Amino acid sequence: MLRPRDHEVLLTPAEVAALFRVDPKTVTRWAKAGKLTAIRTLGGHRRYRQSEVQALLKTVPGAIQSTPSPQSTTSPTMPAQVSPVREF
């Protein structure tokens, strides 16, 4: 039986960094310092619990207060890149 925590949304270091307006390396340093709990994927990549990140966001002035959707890879204000058409 799966526990409720097994279904929690995980964020990448880049997503967390965007919320705090810092570099992704800073997020990694926070994890090493114990400010955030990093979960390692099978490939060794770090992921962070969305609920823990949101709790930390509430304590930081000037941070973005909503978390991005993990499935969204393009910004609503920035269109997806379109490859140029070649004419021969």
PDB file of N, CA and C in Angstrom:
ATOM      1  N   MET A   1       0.844  -1.184   0.000  1.00  0.00           N
ATOM      2  CA  MET A   1       0.000   0.000   0.000  1.00  0.00           C
ATOM      3  C   MET A   1       0.885   1.241   0.000  1.00  0.00           C
ATOM      4  N   LEU A   2       0.566   2.216  -0.848  1.00  0.00           N
ATOM      5  CA  LEU A   2       1.341   3.432  -0.943  1.00  0.00           C
ATOM      6  C   LEU A   2       0.921   4.429   0.132  1.00  0.00           C
ATOM      7  N   ARG A   3       1.905   5.091   0.663  1.00  0.00           N
ATOM      8  CA  ARG A   3       1.621   6.131   1.645  1.00  0.00           C
ATOM      9  C   ARG A   3       1.303   7.430   0.907  1.00  0.00           C
ATOM     10  N   PRO A   4       0.579   8.374   1.528  1.00  0.00           N
ATOM     11  CA  PRO A   4       0.247   9.630   0.857  1.00  0.00           C
ATOM     12  C   PRO A   4       1.493  10.411   0.419  1.00  0.00           C
ATOM     13  N   ARG A   5       2.587  10.296   1.137  1.00  0.00           N
ATOM     14  CA  ARG A   5       3.798  11.026   0.805  1.00  0.00           C
ATOM     15  C   ARG A   5       4.414  10.528  -0.505  1.00  0.00           C
ATOM     16  N   ASP A   6       4.092   9.291  -0.904  1.00  0.00           N
ATOM     17  CA  ASP A   6       4.619   8.739  -2.144  1.00  0.00           C
ATOM     18  C   ASP A   6       4.041   9.438  -3.375  1.00  0.00           C
ATOM     19  N   HIS A   7       2.934  10.150  -3.207  1.00  0.00           N
ATOM     20  CA  HIS A   7       2.282  10.819  -4.324  1.00  0.00           C
ATOM     21  C   HIS A   7       2.583  12.311  -4.351  1.00  0.00           C
ATOM     22  N   GLU A   8       3.476  12.778  -3.513  1.00  0.00           N
ATOM     23  CA  GLU A   8       3.766  14.204  -3.432  1.00  0.00           C
ATOM     24  C   GLU A   8       4.531  14.683  -4.669  1.00  0.00           C
ATOM     25  N   VAL A   9       4.243  15.904  -5.069  1.00  0.00           N
ATOM     26  CA  VAL A   9       4.895  16.508  -6.224  1.00  0.00           C
ATOM     27  C   VAL A   9       6.331  16.869  -5.857  1.00  0.00           C
ATOM     28  N   LEU A  10       7.258  16.506  -6.742  1.00  0.00           N
ATOM     29  CA  LEU A  10       8.665  16.816  -6.535  1.00  0.00           C
ATOM     30  C   LEU A  10       9.108  17.856  -7.546  1.00  0.00           C
ATOM     31  N   LEU A  11       9.965  18.767  -7.103  1.00  0.00           N
ATOM     32  CA  LEU A  11      10.467  19.841  -7.951  1.00  0.00           C
ATOM     33  C   LEU A  11      11.955  19.653  -8.221  1.00  0.00           C
ATOM     34  N   THR A  12      12.391  20.083  -9.388  1.00  0.00           N
ATOM     35  CA  THR A  12      13.808  20.027  -9.733  1.00  0.00           C
ATOM     36  C   THR A  12      14.527  21.213  -9.082  1.00  0.00           C
ATOM     37  N   PRO A  13      15.853  21.149  -8.989  1.00  0.00           N
ATOM     38  CA  PRO A  13      16.594  22.301  -8.457  1.00  0.00           C
ATOM     39  C   PRO A  13      16.336  23.582  -9.257  1.00  0.00           C
ATOM     40  N   ALA A  14      16.184  23.476 -10.562  1.00  0.00           N
ATOM     41  CA  ALA A  14      15.923  24.662 -11.387  1.00  0.00           C
ATOM     42  C   ALA A  14      14.566  25.286 -11.066  1.00  0.00           C
ATOM     43  N   GLU A  15      13.561  24.446 -10.830  1.00  0.00           N
ATOM     44  CA  GLU A  15      12.236  24.959 -10.481  1.00  0.00           C
ATOM     45  C   GLU A  15      12.258  25.654  -9.132  1.00  0.00           C
ATOM     46  N   VAL A  16      12.957  25.066  -8.160  1.00  0.00           N
ATOM     47  CA  VAL A  16      13.072  25.677  -6.838  1.00  0.00           C
ATOM     48  C   VAL A  16      13.852  26.983  -6.938  1.00  0.00           C
ATOM     49  N   ALA A  17      14.920  26.970  -7.707  1.00  0.00           N
ATOM     50  CA  ALA A  17      15.748  28.166  -7.881  1.00  0.00           C
ATOM     51  C   ALA A  17      14.941  29.307  -8.491  1.00  0.00           C
ATOM     52  N   ALA A  18      14.076  29.012  -9.444  1.00  0.00           N
ATOM     53  CA  ALA A  18      13.249  30.045 -10.066  1.00  0.00           C
ATOM     54  C   ALA A  18      12.303  30.681  -9.052  1.00  0.00           C
ATOM     55  N   LEU A  19      11.783  29.881  -8.147  1.00  0.00           N
ATOM     56  CA  LEU A  19      10.869  30.404  -7.133  1.00  0.00           C
ATOM     57  C   LEU A  19      11.575  31.365  -6.171  1.00  0.00           C
ATOM     58  N   PHE A  20      12.797  31.030  -5.812  1.00  0.00           N
ATOM     59  CA  PHE A  20      13.556  31.846  -4.868  1.00  0.00           C
ATOM     60  C   PHE A  20      14.418  32.902  -5.559  1.00  0.00           C
ATOM     61  N   ARG A  21      14.432  32.845  -6.899  1.00  0.00           N
ATOM     62  CA  ARG A  21      15.240  33.768  -7.702  1.00  0.00           C
ATOM     63  C   ARG A  21      16.724  33.667  -7.340  1.00  0.00           C
ATOM     64  N   VAL A  22      17.205  32.432  -7.306  1.00  0.00           N
ATOM     65  CA  VAL A  22      18.616  32.138  -7.040  1.00  0.00           C
ATOM     66  C   VAL A  22      19.112  31.148  -8.075  1.00  0.00           C
ATOM     67  N   ASP A  23      20.392  30.862  -8.053  1.00  0.00           N
ATOM     68  CA  ASP A  23      20.989  29.884  -8.952  1.00  0.00           C
ATOM     69  C   ASP A  23      20.682  28.468  -8.449  1.00  0.00           C
ATOM     70  N   PRO A  24      20.511  27.490  -9.334  1.00  0.00           N
ATOM     71  CA  PRO A  24      20.266  26.115  -8.889  1.00  0.00           C
ATOM     72  C   PRO A  24      21.360  25.563  -7.960  1.00  0.00           C
ATOM     73  N   LYS A  25      22.594  26.022  -8.113  1.00  0.00           N
ATOM     74  CA  LYS A  25      23.672  25.581  -7.217  1.00  0.00           C
ATOM     75  C   LYS A  25      23.407  26.035  -5.781  1.00  0.00           C
ATOM     76  N   THR A  26      22.743  27.180  -5.627  1.00  0.00           N
ATOM     77  CA  THR A  26      22.392  27.670  -4.292  1.00  0.00           C
ATOM     78  C   THR A  26      21.405  26.722  -3.631  1.00  0.00           C
ATOM     79  N   VAL A  27      20.461  26.215  -4.398  1.00  0.00           N
ATOM     80  CA  VAL A  27      19.478  25.262  -3.864  1.00  0.00           C
ATOM     81  C   VAL A  27      20.198  24.002  -3.387  1.00  0.00           C
ATOM     82  N   THR A  28      21.186  23.548  -4.145  1.00  0.00           N
ATOM     83  CA  THR A  28      21.969  22.380  -3.752  1.00  0.00           C
ATOM     84  C   THR A  28      22.722  22.655  -2.446  1.00  0.00           C
ATOM     85  N   ARG A  29      23.272  23.851  -2.314  1.00  0.00           N
ATOM     86  CA  ARG A  29      23.969  24.206  -1.068  1.00  0.00           C
ATOM     87  C   ARG A  29      23.007  24.235   0.111  1.00  0.00           C
ATOM     88  N   TRP A  30      21.769  24.724  -0.115  1.00  0.00           N
ATOM     89  CA  TRP A  30      20.772  24.725   0.950  1.00  0.00           C
ATOM     90  C   TRP A  30      20.463  23.300   1.405  1.00  0.00           C
ATOM     91  N   ALA A  31      20.401  22.383   0.456  1.00  0.00           N
ATOM     92  CA  ALA A  31      20.129  20.979   0.804  1.00  0.00           C
ATOM     93  C   ALA A  31      21.282  20.408   1.624  1.00  0.00           C
ATOM     94  N   LYS A  32      22.514  20.718   1.223  1.00  0.00           N
ATOM     95  CA  LYS A  32      23.678  20.230   1.972  1.00  0.00           C
ATOM     96  C   LYS A  32      23.741  20.836   3.366  1.00  0.00           C
ATOM     97  N   ALA A  33      23.235  22.074   3.509  1.00  0.00           N
ATOM     98  CA  ALA A  33      23.234  22.755   4.802  1.00  0.00           C
ATOM     99  C   ALA A  33      22.054  22.342   5.672  1.00  0.00           C
ATOM    100  N   GLY A  34      21.104  21.594   5.098  1.00  0.00           N
ATOM    101  CA  GLY A  34      19.964  21.117   5.878  1.00  0.00           C
ATOM    102  C   GLY A  34      18.748  22.030   5.842  1.00  0.00           C
ATOM    103  N   LYS A  35      18.758  23.058   5.017  1.00  0.00           N
ATOM    104  CA  LYS A  35      17.609  23.962   4.918  1.00  0.00           C
ATOM    105  C   LYS A  35      16.463  23.324   4.136  1.00  0.00           C
ATOM    106  N   LEU A  36      16.792  22.437   3.208  1.00  0.00           N
ATOM    107  CA  LEU A  36      15.821  21.692   2.411  1.00  0.00           C
ATOM    108  C   LEU A  36      16.210  20.220   2.407  1.00  0.00           C
ATOM    109  N   THR A  37      15.224  19.363   2.303  1.00  0.00           N
ATOM    110  CA  THR A  37      15.496  17.933   2.209  1.00  0.00           C
ATOM    111  C   THR A  37      15.525  17.530   0.742  1.00  0.00           C
ATOM    112  N   ALA A  38      16.637  16.991   0.311  1.00  0.00           N
ATOM    113  CA  ALA A  38      16.766  16.536  -1.071  1.00  0.00           C
ATOM    114  C   ALA A  38      16.462  15.049  -1.149  1.00  0.00           C
ATOM    115  N   ILE A  39      15.690  14.697  -2.138  1.00  0.00           N
ATOM    116  CA  ILE A  39      15.404  13.293  -2.434  1.00  0.00           C
ATOM    117  C   ILE A  39      16.199  12.974  -3.690  1.00  0.00           C
ATOM    118  N   ARG A  40      16.890  11.851  -3.687  1.00  0.00           N
ATOM    119  CA  ARG A  40      17.695  11.464  -4.852  1.00  0.00           C
ATOM    120  C   ARG A  40      16.917  10.502  -5.730  1.00  0.00           C
ATOM    121  N   THR A  41      16.956  10.742  -7.031  1.00  0.00           N
ATOM    122  CA  THR A  41      16.334   9.824  -7.981  1.00  0.00           C
ATOM    123  C   THR A  41      17.288   8.644  -8.192  1.00  0.00           C
ATOM    124  N   LEU A  42      16.844   7.655  -8.918  1.00  0.00           N
ATOM    125  CA  LEU A  42      17.709   6.514  -9.203  1.00  0.00           C
ATOM    126  C   LEU A  42      18.946   6.931  -9.999  1.00  0.00           C
ATOM    127  N   GLY A  43      18.811   7.987 -10.782  1.00  0.00           N
ATOM    128  CA  GLY A  43      19.933   8.494 -11.556  1.00  0.00           C
ATOM    129  C   GLY A  43      20.840   9.434 -10.774  1.00  0.00           C
ATOM    130  N   GLY A  44      20.501   9.706  -9.506  1.00  0.00           N
ATOM    131  CA  GLY A  44      21.331  10.551  -8.662  1.00  0.00           C
ATOM    132  C   GLY A  44      20.978  12.031  -8.675  1.00  0.00           C
ATOM    133  N   HIS A  45      19.885  12.391  -9.339  1.00  0.00           N
ATOM    134  CA  HIS A  45      19.466  13.788  -9.390  1.00  0.00           C
ATOM    135  C   HIS A  45      18.680  14.150  -8.137  1.00  0.00           C
ATOM    136  N   ARG A  46      18.787  15.406  -7.737  1.00  0.00           N
ATOM    137  CA  ARG A  46      18.068  15.869  -6.551  1.00  0.00           C
ATOM    138  C   ARG A  46      16.668  16.344  -6.925  1.00  0.00           C
ATOM    139  N   ARG A  47      15.719  16.053  -6.046  1.00  0.00           N
ATOM    140  CA  ARG A  47      14.355  16.551  -6.170  1.00  0.00           C
ATOM    141  C   ARG A  47      13.933  17.034  -4.787  1.00  0.00           C
ATOM    142  N   TYR A  48      13.010  18.002  -4.771  1.00  0.00           N
ATOM    143  CA  TYR A  48      12.579  18.621  -3.518  1.00  0.00           C
ATOM    144  C   TYR A  48      11.067  18.558  -3.413  1.00  0.00           C
ATOM    145  N   ARG A  49      10.570  18.270  -2.203  1.00  0.00           N
ATOM    146  CA  ARG A  49       9.126  18.180  -1.978  1.00  0.00           C
ATOM    147  C   ARG A  49       8.496  19.560  -2.112  1.00  0.00           C
ATOM    148  N   GLN A  50       7.430  19.625  -2.909  1.00  0.00           N
ATOM    149  CA  GLN A  50       6.746  20.888  -3.146  1.00  0.00           C
ATOM    150  C   GLN A  50       6.222  21.489  -1.843  1.00  0.00           C
ATOM    151  N   SER A  51       5.682  20.679  -0.963  1.00  0.00           N
ATOM    152  CA  SER A  51       5.137  21.192   0.302  1.00  0.00           C
ATOM    153  C   SER A  51       6.232  21.815   1.166  1.00  0.00           C
ATOM    154  N   GLU A  52       7.407  21.217   1.183  1.00  0.00           N
ATOM    155  CA  GLU A  52       8.511  21.757   1.968  1.00  0.00           C
ATOM    156  C   GLU A  52       9.020  23.068   1.360  1.00  0.00           C
ATOM    157  N   VAL A  53       9.069  23.121   0.042  1.00  0.00           N
ATOM    158  CA  VAL A  53       9.509  24.340  -0.643  1.00  0.00           C
ATOM    159  C   VAL A  53       8.514  25.471  -0.387  1.00  0.00           C
ATOM    160  N   GLN A  54       7.218  25.180  -0.463  1.00  0.00           N
ATOM    161  CA  GLN A  54       6.204  26.208  -0.216  1.00  0.00           C
ATOM    162  C   GLN A  54       6.281  26.722   1.212  1.00  0.00           C
ATOM    163  N   ALA A  55       6.541  25.841   2.173  1.00  0.00           N
ATOM    164  CA  ALA A  55       6.677  26.272   3.568  1.00  0.00           C
ATOM    165  C   ALA A  55       7.871  27.211   3.720  1.00  0.00           C
ATOM    166  N   LEU A  56       8.971  26.907   3.042  1.00  0.00           N
ATOM    167  CA  LEU A  56      10.146  27.767   3.101  1.00  0.00           C
ATOM    168  C   LEU A  56       9.899  29.083   2.371  1.00  0.00           C
ATOM    169  N   LEU A  57       9.121  29.043   1.299  1.00  0.00           N
ATOM    170  CA  LEU A  57       8.797  30.260   0.547  1.00  0.00           C
ATOM    171  C   LEU A  57       8.071  31.287   1.418  1.00  0.00           C
ATOM    172  N   LYS A  58       7.216  30.816   2.309  1.00  0.00           N
ATOM    173  CA  LYS A  58       6.447  31.718   3.168  1.00  0.00           C
ATOM    174  C   LYS A  58       7.339  32.498   4.122  1.00  0.00           C
ATOM    175  N   THR A  59       8.544  31.994   4.382  1.00  0.00           N
ATOM    176  CA  THR A  59       9.450  32.661   5.308  1.00  0.00           C
ATOM    177  C   THR A  59      10.408  33.625   4.621  1.00  0.00           C
ATOM    178  N   VAL A  60      10.431  33.619   3.277  1.00  0.00           N
ATOM    179  CA  VAL A  60      11.390  34.429   2.529  1.00  0.00           C
ATOM    180  C   VAL A  60      10.681  35.615   1.875  1.00  0.00           C
ATOM    181  N   PRO A  61      11.064  36.852   2.225  1.00  0.00           N
ATOM    182  CA  PRO A  61      10.460  38.002   1.560  1.00  0.00           C
ATOM    183  C   PRO A  61      10.972  38.137   0.128  1.00  0.00           C
ATOM    184  N   GLY A  62      10.097  38.513  -0.789  1.00  0.00           N
ATOM    185  CA  GLY A  62      10.490  38.730  -2.176  1.00  0.00           C
ATOM    186  C   GLY A  62      10.503  37.487  -3.039  1.00  0.00           C
ATOM    187  N   ALA A  63      10.167  36.340  -2.482  1.00  0.00           N
ATOM    188  CA  ALA A  63      10.143  35.104  -3.270  1.00  0.00           C
ATOM    189  C   ALA A  63       8.783  34.970  -3.959  1.00  0.00           C
ATOM    190  N   ILE A  64       8.756  34.247  -5.057  1.00  0.00           N
ATOM    191  CA  ILE A  64       7.504  33.988  -5.767  1.00  0.00           C
ATOM    192  C   ILE A  64       6.677  33.032  -4.915  1.00  0.00           C
ATOM    193  N   GLN A  65       5.412  33.340  -4.698  1.00  0.00           N
ATOM    194  CA  GLN A  65       4.612  32.564  -3.757  1.00  0.00           C
ATOM    195  C   GLN A  65       3.867  31.380  -4.361  1.00  0.00           C
ATOM    196  N   SER A  66       3.918  31.171  -5.663  1.00  0.00           N
ATOM    197  CA  SER A  66       3.261  30.000  -6.240  1.00  0.00           C
ATOM    198  C   SER A  66       4.304  29.126  -6.902  1.00  0.00           C
ATOM    199  N   THR A  67       4.097  27.814  -6.849  1.00  0.00           N
ATOM    200  CA  THR A  67       5.060  26.887  -7.434  1.00  0.00           C
ATOM    201  C   THR A  67       4.659  26.564  -8.854  1.00  0.00           C
ATOM    202  N   PRO A  68       5.634  26.344  -9.736  1.00  0.00           N
ATOM    203  CA  PRO A  68       5.321  26.028 -11.124  1.00  0.00           C
ATOM    204  C   PRO A  68       4.801  24.609 -11.262  1.00  0.00           C
ATOM    205  N   SER A  69       4.069  24.394 -12.313  1.00  0.00           N
ATOM    206  CA  SER A  69       3.611  23.047 -12.607  1.00  0.00           C
ATOM    207  C   SER A  69       4.786  22.248 -13.151  1.00  0.00           C
ATOM    208  N   PRO A  70       5.095  21.073 -12.587  1.00  0.00           N
ATOM    209  CA  PRO A  70       6.236  20.299 -13.062  1.00  0.00           C
ATOM    210  C   PRO A  70       6.107  19.874 -14.521  1.00  0.00           C
ATOM    211  N   GLN A  71       4.882  19.773 -15.048  1.00  0.00           N
ATOM    212  CA  GLN A  71       4.705  19.350 -16.419  1.00  0.00           C
ATOM    213  C   GLN A  71       4.947  20.493 -17.395  1.00  0.00           C
ATOM    214  N   SER A  72       4.848  21.728 -16.941  1.00  0.00           N
ATOM    215  CA  SER A  72       5.009  22.883 -17.813  1.00  0.00           C
ATOM    216  C   SER A  72       6.483  23.160 -18.060  1.00  0.00           C
ATOM    217  N   THR A  73       6.881  23.154 -19.337  1.00  0.00           N
ATOM    218  CA  THR A  73       8.279  23.408 -19.657  1.00  0.00           C
ATOM    219  C   THR A  73       8.467  24.734 -20.368  1.00  0.00           C
ATOM    220  N   THR A  74       7.371  25.352 -20.840  1.00  0.00           N
ATOM    221  CA  THR A  74       7.495  26.641 -21.493  1.00  0.00           C
ATOM    222  C   THR A  74       6.756  27.683 -20.690  1.00  0.00           C
ATOM    223  N   SER A  75       7.222  28.887 -20.772  1.00  0.00           N
ATOM    224  CA  SER A  75       6.613  30.003 -20.075  1.00  0.00           C
ATOM    225  C   SER A  75       5.407  30.489 -20.868  1.00  0.00           C
ATOM    226  N   PRO A  76       4.327  30.915 -20.187  1.00  0.00           N
ATOM    227  CA  PRO A  76       3.174  31.408 -20.933  1.00  0.00           C
ATOM    228  C   PRO A  76       3.494  32.711 -21.675  1.00  0.00           C
ATOM    229  N   THR A  77       4.504  33.450 -21.217  1.00  0.00           N
ATOM    230  CA  THR A  77       4.858  34.702 -21.882  1.00  0.00           C
ATOM    231  C   THR A  77       5.899  34.486 -22.972  1.00  0.00           C
ATOM    232  N   MET A  78       6.487  33.311 -23.021  1.00  0.00           N
ATOM    233  CA  MET A  78       7.528  33.033 -24.003  1.00  0.00           C
ATOM    234  C   MET A  78       7.075  31.879 -24.892  1.00  0.00           C
ATOM    235  N   PRO A  79       6.931  32.115 -26.188  1.00  0.00           N
ATOM    236  CA  PRO A  79       6.473  31.032 -27.069  1.00  0.00           C
ATOM    237  C   PRO A  79       7.539  29.961 -27.235  1.00  0.00           C
ATOM    238  N   ALA A  80       7.095  28.788 -27.584  1.00  0.00           N
ATOM    239  CA  ALA A  80       8.038  27.687 -27.851  1.00  0.00           C
ATOM    240  C   ALA A  80       8.856  28.033 -29.072  1.00  0.00           C
ATOM    241  N   GLN A  81      10.077  27.540 -29.104  1.00  0.00           N
ATOM    242  CA  GLN A  81      10.956  27.837 -30.227  1.00  0.00           C
ATOM    243  C   GLN A  81      10.461  27.129 -31.488  1.00  0.00           C
ATOM    244  N   VAL A  82      10.523  27.857 -32.577  1.00  0.00           N
ATOM    245  CA  VAL A  82      10.095  27.314 -33.868  1.00  0.00           C
ATOM    246  C   VAL A  82      11.323  27.301 -34.762  1.00  0.00           C
ATOM    247  N   SER A  83      11.552  26.175 -35.392  1.00  0.00           N
ATOM    248  CA  SER A  83      12.713  26.086 -36.274  1.00  0.00           C
ATOM    249  C   SER A  83      12.448  26.867 -37.556  1.00  0.00           C
ATOM    250  N   PRO A  84      13.465  27.542 -38.069  1.00  0.00           N
ATOM    251  CA  PRO A  84      13.269  28.342 -39.284  1.00  0.00           C
ATOM    252  C   PRO A  84      13.029  27.455 -40.499  1.00  0.00           C
ATOM    253  N   VAL A  85      12.285  27.996 -41.441  1.00  0.00           N
ATOM    254  CA  VAL A  85      11.986  27.269 -42.679  1.00  0.00           C
ATOM    255  C   VAL A  85      13.118  27.554 -43.667  1.00  0.00           C
ATOM    256  N   ARG A  86      13.641  26.506 -44.257  1.00  0.00           N
ATOM    257  CA  ARG A  86      14.718  26.675 -45.238  1.00  0.00           C
ATOM    258  C   ARG A  86      14.127  26.708 -46.645  1.00  0.00           C
ATOM    259  N   GLU A  87      14.560  27.677 -47.398  1.00  0.00           N
ATOM    260  CA  GLU A  87      14.118  27.767 -48.795  1.00  0.00           C
ATOM    261  C   GLU A  87      15.293  27.387 -49.681  1.00  0.00           C
ATOM    262  N   PHE A  88      15.027  26.588 -50.696  1.00  0.00           N
ATOM    263  CA  PHE A  88      16.077  26.158 -51.618  1.00  0.00           C
ATOM    264  C   PHE A  88      15.865  26.755 -52.976  1.00  0.00           C
TER     265      PHE A  88
END
